[in-house]
Amino acid sequence: MFKRFCGAAAAKEMLLDRCLPIERTQFIPSVQAESRVISQEIRSPVSLPGFDRAAMDGFAVRFADTKGARPHAPVFLDKFQPVRTGMPVPGEYDAVMMLEDARLRESTLEITAQLHAYRNVSRTGEDILQGETVFSQGHTLRPPDVALLSALGIGEVQVYEKPKVVIIPTGGELVAIGSRALCPGEAYEINGLMARLYAQRWGALAEKIDIVSDDEGLIREAISANLHADLIIIIGGTSVGEKDYAPRVLSEMGELMVHGVRLQPGKPTAFGVVAGKPVVCLPGYPVAALFDLYLFVRPAVQKIARRRDALPKVSARLARKIPSRPGYLSLVRVALKDGQAEPIMISGAGILSSVARADGFVVVPEEQEGLEAGENVEVMLFE
């Protein structure tokens, strides 16, 4: 039987309490820093722009000289300077006349519009002033942020290191992907691949080790050999069968915090701590493993990585009823079409193709006994 049975919310809280934000930092080139979390405040070394520049093609003029200019009463100037967008505006000028409001007549400029000071001019420091805070500590850099750093001449930034996640797939029936043809009763090891790809997407350096057989000693050795990781994920052997060794090994090597979660699918889930490192044990069924990745591993990795991006979601109307088990948090695969969420499979934790056909999932709270057709629901989108 399950030894540390609890609800999904309590299980998640216990896991996150043991996940510590990473402290290790490194310097990397700014152009490689997209999606990285900066570990110190960044201040601008320069003003941007660094000079008064033309905001459009035209003629640099003195705004006072344009007084009274109208289409029916043009003004003629003999002091002006042609400029193109982005060019410096010479110091004696303080406005730019647009091409459509001006006509060059040999050495004289005919203008038909009146300007105010610095019209069509980007002032020095208009974007960012020297010494101004550009990004605060903990900010996750996006592509436009990286572009801004480059515009400021900041070639290197200090960021938090990516957390190290080690994935330990277990099971005597598993075969490495592409190594050979399967025999009856065997399956390719896909859960570890899925966990590695998602952990990388969520900001970690993820490594999947070779498949570990259903052997208590080998599982113990695999954990001991990977305690350098910030998070360890064990896949398979998490239930209450004769060869479900992972929870037992955790309780002997450290602390078994959770064994069994009121979650459908995903009941045979376990969490523990070994030598201060959080260990997540996922069920071997692919869909159950996937939902555990979203429900538990994603927030764990993000907390360690100091990232805060939320799971994307959309609102939709439920196309048909979803039954659920009272007292259990239920995650249901759905496909989206024309504003409706169509449940794909209510059960079937091992049928991964149902996820490939789904756009996301709907969460049915423990206190509810299903959801009725026509209800408005939030669909958490698969990344």
Protein backbone atom coordinates (compact mmCIF):
# COMPACT_ATOMS: atom_id res chain seq x y z
CA MET A 1 0.00 0.00 0.00
CA PHE A 2 1.02 3.63 -0.43
CA LYS A 3 2.92 4.84 2.63
CA ARG A 4 2.76 8.66 2.38
CA PHE A 5 -0.56 9.24 0.64
CA CYS A 6 -1.74 12.85 0.25
CA GLY A 7 -3.51 15.34 -2.00
CA ALA A 8 -1.89 16.92 -5.04
CA ALA A 9 -1.67 20.42 -3.54
CA ALA A 10 -0.01 19.19 -0.35
CA ALA A 11 2.40 17.02 -2.35
CA LYS A 12 3.40 19.96 -4.54
CA GLU A 13 3.93 22.19 -1.53
CA MET A 14 6.17 19.63 0.17
CA LEU A 15 8.24 19.23 -2.99
CA LEU A 16 8.67 22.95 -3.58
CA ASP A 17 9.67 23.50 0.04
CA ARG A 18 12.69 21.29 -0.66
CA CYS A 19 13.61 22.98 -3.96
CA LEU A 20 16.07 25.81 -3.33
CA PRO A 21 16.65 28.60 -5.87
CA ILE A 22 20.03 28.19 -7.50
CA GLU A 23 22.85 30.42 -6.26
CA ARG A 24 25.60 29.51 -8.75
CA THR A 25 26.30 32.18 -11.35
CA GLN A 26 28.32 32.54 -14.53
CA PHE A 27 29.23 35.16 -17.12
CA ILE A 28 28.05 34.50 -20.66
CA PRO A 29 27.98 36.54 -23.91
CA SER A 30 24.86 38.70 -24.04
CA VAL A 31 23.95 37.35 -27.48
CA GLN A 32 23.61 33.89 -25.91
CA ALA A 33 21.58 35.02 -22.90
CA GLU A 34 18.03 34.66 -24.26
CA SER A 35 15.79 32.98 -21.61
CA ARG A 36 18.52 33.22 -18.96
CA VAL A 37 17.92 34.77 -15.54
CA ILE A 38 20.24 37.63 -14.66
CA SER A 39 21.86 37.45 -11.24
CA GLN A 40 22.61 41.13 -10.72
CA GLU A 41 21.09 44.45 -11.64
CA ILE A 42 22.17 45.77 -15.03
CA ARG A 43 22.73 49.52 -15.41
CA SER A 44 23.31 51.22 -18.71
CA PRO A 45 26.92 52.24 -19.35
CA VAL A 46 25.79 54.82 -21.92
CA SER A 47 22.81 56.92 -22.91
CA LEU A 48 20.67 55.66 -25.76
CA PRO A 49 20.65 57.34 -28.17
CA GLY A 50 24.05 58.79 -27.44
CA PHE A 51 23.31 61.92 -29.47
CA ASP A 52 20.37 63.91 -30.80
CA ARG A 53 19.34 62.02 -33.94
CA ALA A 54 16.87 62.47 -36.75
CA ALA A 55 13.66 60.49 -36.25
CA MET A 56 12.92 60.54 -39.99
CA ASP A 57 14.31 61.62 -43.33
CA GLY A 58 14.17 65.38 -43.91
CA PHE A 59 16.02 68.57 -43.17
CA ALA A 60 17.55 69.70 -39.90
CA VAL A 61 16.36 73.25 -39.17
CA ARG A 62 16.02 75.75 -36.33
CA PHE A 63 12.46 75.51 -35.10
CA ALA A 64 12.26 79.28 -34.54
CA ASP A 65 12.88 79.79 -38.26
CA THR A 66 9.72 77.84 -39.12
CA LYS A 67 7.33 80.19 -37.35
CA GLY A 68 4.24 80.96 -39.44
CA ALA A 69 4.93 78.42 -42.19
CA ARG A 70 1.71 77.12 -43.75
CA PRO A 71 0.82 75.36 -47.02
CA HIS A 72 -0.66 78.64 -48.32
CA ALA A 73 2.12 80.78 -46.78
CA PRO A 74 5.48 79.00 -47.15
CA VAL A 75 8.63 80.17 -45.43
CA PHE A 76 12.02 80.12 -47.18
CA LEU A 77 15.16 79.06 -45.29
CA ASP A 78 18.80 79.39 -46.21
CA LYS A 79 20.08 77.62 -43.09
CA PHE A 80 19.29 73.86 -43.03
CA GLN A 81 20.99 70.47 -43.32
CA PRO A 82 19.69 67.33 -45.12
CA VAL A 83 19.48 64.36 -42.70
CA ARG A 84 18.41 60.77 -42.87
CA THR A 85 16.72 58.72 -40.15
CA GLY A 86 19.19 57.93 -37.36
CA MET A 87 21.75 60.52 -38.40
CA PRO A 88 23.04 63.06 -35.84
CA VAL A 89 21.26 66.40 -35.85
CA PRO A 90 23.96 69.11 -36.03
CA GLY A 91 24.17 71.13 -32.84
CA GLU A 92 22.97 74.40 -34.34
CA TYR A 93 19.64 72.77 -35.31
CA ASP A 94 16.81 71.66 -33.04
CA ALA A 95 14.10 70.18 -35.30
CA VAL A 96 13.68 68.10 -38.45
CA MET A 97 11.34 69.12 -41.25
CA MET A 98 9.72 66.14 -42.99
CA LEU A 99 10.35 65.74 -46.73
CA GLU A 100 6.64 66.10 -47.54
CA ASP A 101 6.59 69.53 -45.88
CA ALA A 102 9.64 70.84 -47.68
CA ARG A 103 10.88 71.53 -51.21
CA LEU A 104 14.50 72.24 -52.06
CA ARG A 105 14.89 75.11 -54.47
CA GLU A 106 18.62 75.21 -55.32
CA SER A 107 20.21 76.61 -52.13
CA THR A 108 16.90 77.59 -50.52
CA LEU A 109 14.46 75.35 -48.61
CA GLU A 110 10.76 76.08 -48.97
CA ILE A 111 8.79 74.80 -45.97
CA THR A 112 5.02 74.59 -45.45
CA ALA A 113 4.77 73.56 -41.77
CA GLN A 114 5.63 75.16 -38.45
CA LEU A 115 7.65 73.05 -35.98
CA HIS A 116 8.17 73.16 -32.25
CA ALA A 117 11.48 72.49 -30.54
CA TYR A 118 12.94 69.03 -31.19
CA ARG A 119 10.08 67.98 -33.46
CA ASN A 120 11.07 64.74 -35.23
CA VAL A 121 14.28 64.53 -33.15
CA SER A 122 15.16 61.67 -30.78
CA ARG A 123 16.94 63.36 -27.89
CA THR A 124 20.09 62.09 -26.22
CA GLY A 125 19.05 59.54 -23.56
CA GLU A 126 15.44 59.56 -24.72
CA ASP A 127 15.42 55.75 -24.65
CA ILE A 128 17.77 55.09 -21.72
CA LEU A 129 20.01 57.38 -19.68
CA GLN A 130 23.53 56.47 -18.65
CA GLY A 131 23.40 54.80 -15.22
CA GLU A 132 19.70 53.95 -15.49
CA THR A 133 18.61 50.48 -14.35
CA VAL A 134 17.88 48.46 -17.46
CA PHE A 135 16.98 45.12 -15.84
CA SER A 136 16.60 44.09 -12.22
CA GLN A 137 18.09 41.01 -10.64
CA GLY A 138 15.98 37.93 -11.40
CA HIS A 139 14.72 39.16 -14.76
CA THR A 140 14.45 36.51 -17.48
CA LEU A 141 15.91 37.89 -20.69
CA ARG A 142 13.71 37.87 -23.80
CA PRO A 143 14.86 38.41 -27.40
CA PRO A 144 14.17 42.20 -27.31
CA ASP A 145 16.06 42.39 -24.00
CA VAL A 146 19.10 40.77 -25.60
CA ALA A 147 18.83 43.22 -28.50
CA LEU A 148 18.75 46.13 -26.03
CA LEU A 149 21.85 44.86 -24.23
CA SER A 150 23.65 44.70 -27.57
CA ALA A 151 22.47 48.23 -28.45
CA LEU A 152 24.00 49.45 -25.18
CA GLY A 153 27.29 47.74 -25.95
CA ILE A 154 26.92 45.26 -23.07
CA GLY A 155 28.70 42.20 -24.43
CA GLU A 156 28.59 39.99 -21.31
CA VAL A 157 26.08 39.43 -18.53
CA GLN A 158 26.12 37.57 -15.24
CA VAL A 159 23.34 34.99 -15.03
CA TYR A 160 22.32 32.16 -12.75
CA GLU A 161 23.54 28.80 -13.91
CA LYS A 162 20.96 26.44 -15.29
CA PRO A 163 19.93 23.81 -12.73
CA LYS A 164 21.27 20.32 -13.31
CA VAL A 165 18.52 17.72 -13.65
CA VAL A 166 19.36 14.03 -13.90
CA ILE A 167 16.75 11.58 -15.16
CA ILE A 168 16.99 7.92 -14.14
CA PRO A 169 14.71 5.64 -16.21
CA THR A 170 14.08 2.24 -14.61
CA GLY A 171 12.53 -0.97 -15.85
CA GLY A 172 13.73 -4.32 -17.15
CA GLU A 173 11.25 -4.15 -20.04
CA LEU A 174 12.70 -0.93 -21.44
CA VAL A 175 14.92 -0.68 -24.51
CA ALA A 176 17.00 2.32 -25.56
CA ILE A 177 15.37 4.21 -28.43
CA GLY A 178 16.66 3.06 -31.81
CA SER A 179 19.02 0.44 -30.38
CA ARG A 180 17.16 -2.60 -31.73
CA ALA A 181 13.77 -4.00 -32.61
CA LEU A 182 11.42 -4.70 -29.73
CA CYS A 183 10.55 -8.15 -28.49
CA PRO A 184 7.13 -9.00 -27.02
CA GLY A 185 6.69 -7.35 -23.62
CA GLU A 186 9.30 -4.65 -24.30
CA ALA A 187 8.93 -0.91 -24.90
CA TYR A 188 11.19 1.90 -25.96
CA GLU A 189 12.24 4.19 -23.14
CA ILE A 190 10.31 7.36 -24.06
CA ASN A 191 9.44 8.83 -20.67
CA GLY A 192 13.04 9.77 -19.97
CA LEU A 193 13.29 11.43 -23.36
CA MET A 194 10.11 13.40 -22.69
CA ALA A 195 11.31 14.43 -19.22
CA ARG A 196 14.68 15.56 -20.58
CA LEU A 197 13.13 17.66 -23.35
CA TYR A 198 10.70 19.33 -20.99
CA ALA A 199 13.32 19.97 -18.30
CA GLN A 200 15.47 21.67 -20.94
CA ARG A 201 12.51 23.73 -22.15
CA TRP A 202 11.83 24.82 -18.58
CA GLY A 203 15.36 26.11 -18.05
CA ALA A 204 17.48 23.18 -16.88
CA LEU A 205 20.55 21.34 -18.06
CA ALA A 206 19.05 17.87 -18.25
CA GLU A 207 20.84 14.54 -18.58
CA LYS A 208 19.17 11.17 -19.02
CA ILE A 209 21.35 8.27 -17.91
CA ASP A 210 21.21 4.72 -19.23
CA ILE A 211 18.25 2.56 -18.30
CA VAL A 212 18.53 1.03 -14.82
CA SER A 213 17.12 -2.45 -14.30
CA ASP A 214 14.54 -3.24 -11.63
CA ASP A 215 17.19 -3.80 -9.00
CA GLU A 216 17.22 -2.10 -5.62
CA GLY A 217 21.01 -1.95 -5.46
CA LEU A 218 21.37 -0.50 -8.97
CA ILE A 219 18.77 2.18 -8.27
CA ARG A 220 20.61 3.08 -5.09
CA GLU A 221 23.89 3.33 -7.02
CA ALA A 222 22.29 5.51 -9.71
CA ILE A 223 21.00 7.97 -7.12
CA SER A 224 24.33 8.07 -5.27
CA ALA A 225 26.24 8.70 -8.50
CA ASN A 226 24.06 11.69 -9.41
CA LEU A 227 23.79 13.66 -6.18
CA HIS A 228 25.66 16.49 -7.94
CA ALA A 229 22.32 17.31 -9.60
CA ASP A 230 19.94 19.95 -8.28
CA LEU A 231 16.97 17.67 -8.98
CA ILE A 232 16.78 13.93 -9.64
CA ILE A 233 13.89 12.36 -11.53
CA ILE A 234 13.31 8.60 -11.30
CA ILE A 235 10.85 7.12 -13.79
CA GLY A 236 9.12 3.80 -13.11
CA GLY A 237 9.00 1.50 -10.11
CA THR A 238 6.95 3.96 -8.06
CA SER A 239 3.84 1.95 -7.16
CA VAL A 240 3.36 -0.77 -4.53
CA GLY A 241 4.33 -3.88 -6.49
CA GLU A 242 7.08 -6.34 -5.70
CA LYS A 243 9.56 -4.57 -8.01
CA ASP A 244 8.57 -1.01 -7.22
CA TYR A 245 11.81 -0.21 -5.45
CA ALA A 246 12.13 3.57 -5.85
CA PRO A 247 10.07 4.66 -2.79
CA ARG A 248 11.76 2.09 -0.59
CA VAL A 249 15.22 3.21 -1.71
CA LEU A 250 14.34 6.84 -1.00
CA SER A 251 13.14 6.03 2.52
CA GLU A 252 16.38 4.13 3.21
CA MET A 253 18.76 6.68 1.66
CA GLY A 254 17.04 9.81 2.95
CA GLU A 255 13.46 10.90 3.51
CA LEU A 256 10.35 9.70 1.69
CA MET A 257 7.98 12.67 1.89
CA VAL A 258 5.20 11.49 -0.43
CA HIS A 259 4.19 8.08 -1.76
CA GLY A 260 0.88 8.15 -3.52
CA VAL A 261 -1.01 11.26 -4.63
CA ARG A 262 -4.75 11.77 -5.01
CA LEU A 263 -4.26 12.41 -8.70
CA GLN A 264 -5.86 10.89 -11.77
CA PRO A 265 -3.79 9.88 -13.68
CA GLY A 266 -0.61 9.83 -11.61
CA LYS A 267 -1.52 8.21 -8.30
CA PRO A 268 1.77 6.22 -8.05
CA THR A 269 3.93 9.32 -7.57
CA ALA A 270 6.60 9.74 -4.91
CA PHE A 271 8.85 12.54 -3.65
CA GLY A 272 11.84 12.33 -1.40
CA VAL A 273 15.09 13.96 -0.37
CA VAL A 274 18.53 12.35 -0.45
CA ALA A 275 21.56 14.27 0.83
CA GLY A 276 19.53 17.47 0.60
CA LYS A 277 18.61 16.91 -3.05
CA PRO A 278 14.94 16.61 -4.06
CA VAL A 279 14.03 13.41 -5.86
CA VAL A 280 10.83 13.04 -7.90
CA CYS A 281 9.58 9.55 -8.77
CA LEU A 282 7.24 9.45 -11.77
CA PRO A 283 4.95 6.60 -12.82
CA GLY A 284 5.96 4.54 -15.84
CA TYR A 285 2.73 5.17 -17.75
CA PRO A 286 3.50 7.92 -20.29
CA VAL A 287 0.41 10.09 -19.79
CA ALA A 288 0.68 9.87 -16.00
CA ALA A 289 4.37 10.77 -16.27
CA LEU A 290 3.54 13.70 -18.54
CA PHE A 291 0.95 15.13 -16.17
CA ASP A 292 3.35 14.73 -13.26
CA LEU A 293 5.94 16.66 -15.26
CA TYR A 294 3.52 19.54 -15.67
CA LEU A 295 2.04 19.45 -12.20
CA PHE A 296 5.20 18.89 -10.14
CA VAL A 297 8.44 18.93 -12.14
CA ARG A 298 7.74 22.15 -14.03
CA PRO A 299 7.24 24.29 -10.90
CA ALA A 300 10.16 22.53 -9.19
CA VAL A 301 12.57 23.22 -12.05
CA GLN A 302 11.32 26.78 -12.39
CA LYS A 303 11.77 27.51 -8.70
CA ILE A 304 15.31 26.16 -8.75
CA ALA A 305 16.04 28.05 -11.98
CA ARG A 306 14.48 31.27 -10.59
CA ARG A 307 12.07 31.46 -13.51
CA ARG A 308 8.45 32.58 -13.16
CA ASP A 309 6.77 32.13 -16.53
CA ALA A 310 3.24 30.78 -16.22
CA LEU A 311 1.81 27.88 -18.17
CA PRO A 312 -0.13 29.27 -21.16
CA LYS A 313 -3.89 28.78 -20.99
CA VAL A 314 -7.07 29.67 -22.85
CA SER A 315 -10.76 29.68 -21.97
CA ALA A 316 -13.16 27.35 -23.79
CA ARG A 317 -16.59 25.80 -23.48
CA LEU A 318 -16.67 22.11 -22.60
CA ALA A 319 -18.08 20.11 -25.52
CA ARG A 320 -19.28 17.20 -23.38
CA LYS A 321 -19.36 16.03 -19.79
CA ILE A 322 -16.20 15.01 -17.96
CA PRO A 323 -16.67 12.51 -15.12
CA SER A 324 -14.09 12.41 -12.34
CA ARG A 325 -13.30 10.57 -9.14
CA PRO A 326 -14.36 12.54 -6.04
CA GLY A 327 -11.44 13.37 -3.78
CA TYR A 328 -8.91 13.15 -6.62
CA LEU A 329 -7.50 15.93 -8.77
CA SER A 330 -8.28 14.89 -12.34
CA LEU A 331 -6.36 16.05 -15.42
CA VAL A 332 -8.25 15.50 -18.68
CA ARG A 333 -6.81 15.77 -22.20
CA VAL A 334 -8.80 17.99 -24.55
CA ALA A 335 -8.64 19.17 -28.15
CA LEU A 336 -9.63 22.74 -29.01
CA LYS A 337 -11.87 23.60 -31.95
CA ASP A 338 -14.07 26.64 -32.57
CA GLY A 339 -13.89 27.75 -28.95
CA GLN A 340 -14.84 24.35 -27.56
CA ALA A 341 -12.80 21.86 -25.55
CA GLU A 342 -13.44 18.30 -26.63
CA PRO A 343 -12.33 15.64 -24.10
CA ILE A 344 -10.16 13.10 -25.89
CA MET A 345 -9.77 10.39 -23.29
CA ILE A 346 -11.02 10.37 -19.74
CA SER A 347 -8.82 7.42 -18.78
CA GLY A 348 -5.89 5.56 -20.31
CA ALA A 349 -2.68 6.66 -18.61
CA GLY A 350 -0.55 4.67 -21.03
CA ILE A 351 -1.95 5.97 -24.31
CA LEU A 352 0.52 8.65 -25.34
CA SER A 353 -1.07 9.18 -28.77
CA SER A 354 -4.02 10.81 -26.99
CA VAL A 355 -1.66 13.59 -25.86
CA ALA A 356 -0.34 14.08 -29.39
CA ARG A 357 -3.94 14.69 -30.49
CA ALA A 358 -4.63 17.03 -27.56
CA ASP A 359 -4.00 20.76 -27.32
CA GLY A 360 -3.98 20.82 -23.55
CA PHE A 361 -5.71 19.60 -20.43
CA VAL A 362 -8.48 20.61 -18.07
CA VAL A 363 -8.08 20.33 -14.30
CA VAL A 364 -11.08 19.01 -12.36
CA PRO A 365 -10.75 19.94 -8.65
CA GLU A 366 -10.92 17.23 -5.98
CA GLU A 367 -14.14 18.62 -4.53
CA GLN A 368 -16.03 18.36 -7.82
CA GLU A 369 -17.60 15.26 -9.27
CA GLY A 370 -16.87 16.00 -12.90
CA LEU A 371 -17.70 18.94 -15.15
CA GLU A 372 -20.87 19.37 -17.18
CA ALA A 373 -21.08 19.96 -20.93
CA GLY A 374 -21.29 23.65 -21.74
CA GLU A 375 -19.27 24.78 -18.73
CA ASN A 376 -16.57 27.39 -19.28
CA VAL A 377 -13.19 25.87 -18.45
CA GLU A 378 -9.55 26.90 -18.47
CA VAL A 379 -7.44 24.77 -20.78
CA MET A 380 -3.78 24.51 -19.81
CA LEU A 381 -1.92 24.31 -23.11
CA PHE A 382 0.74 21.69 -23.79
CA GLU A 383 4.04 23.35 -24.59
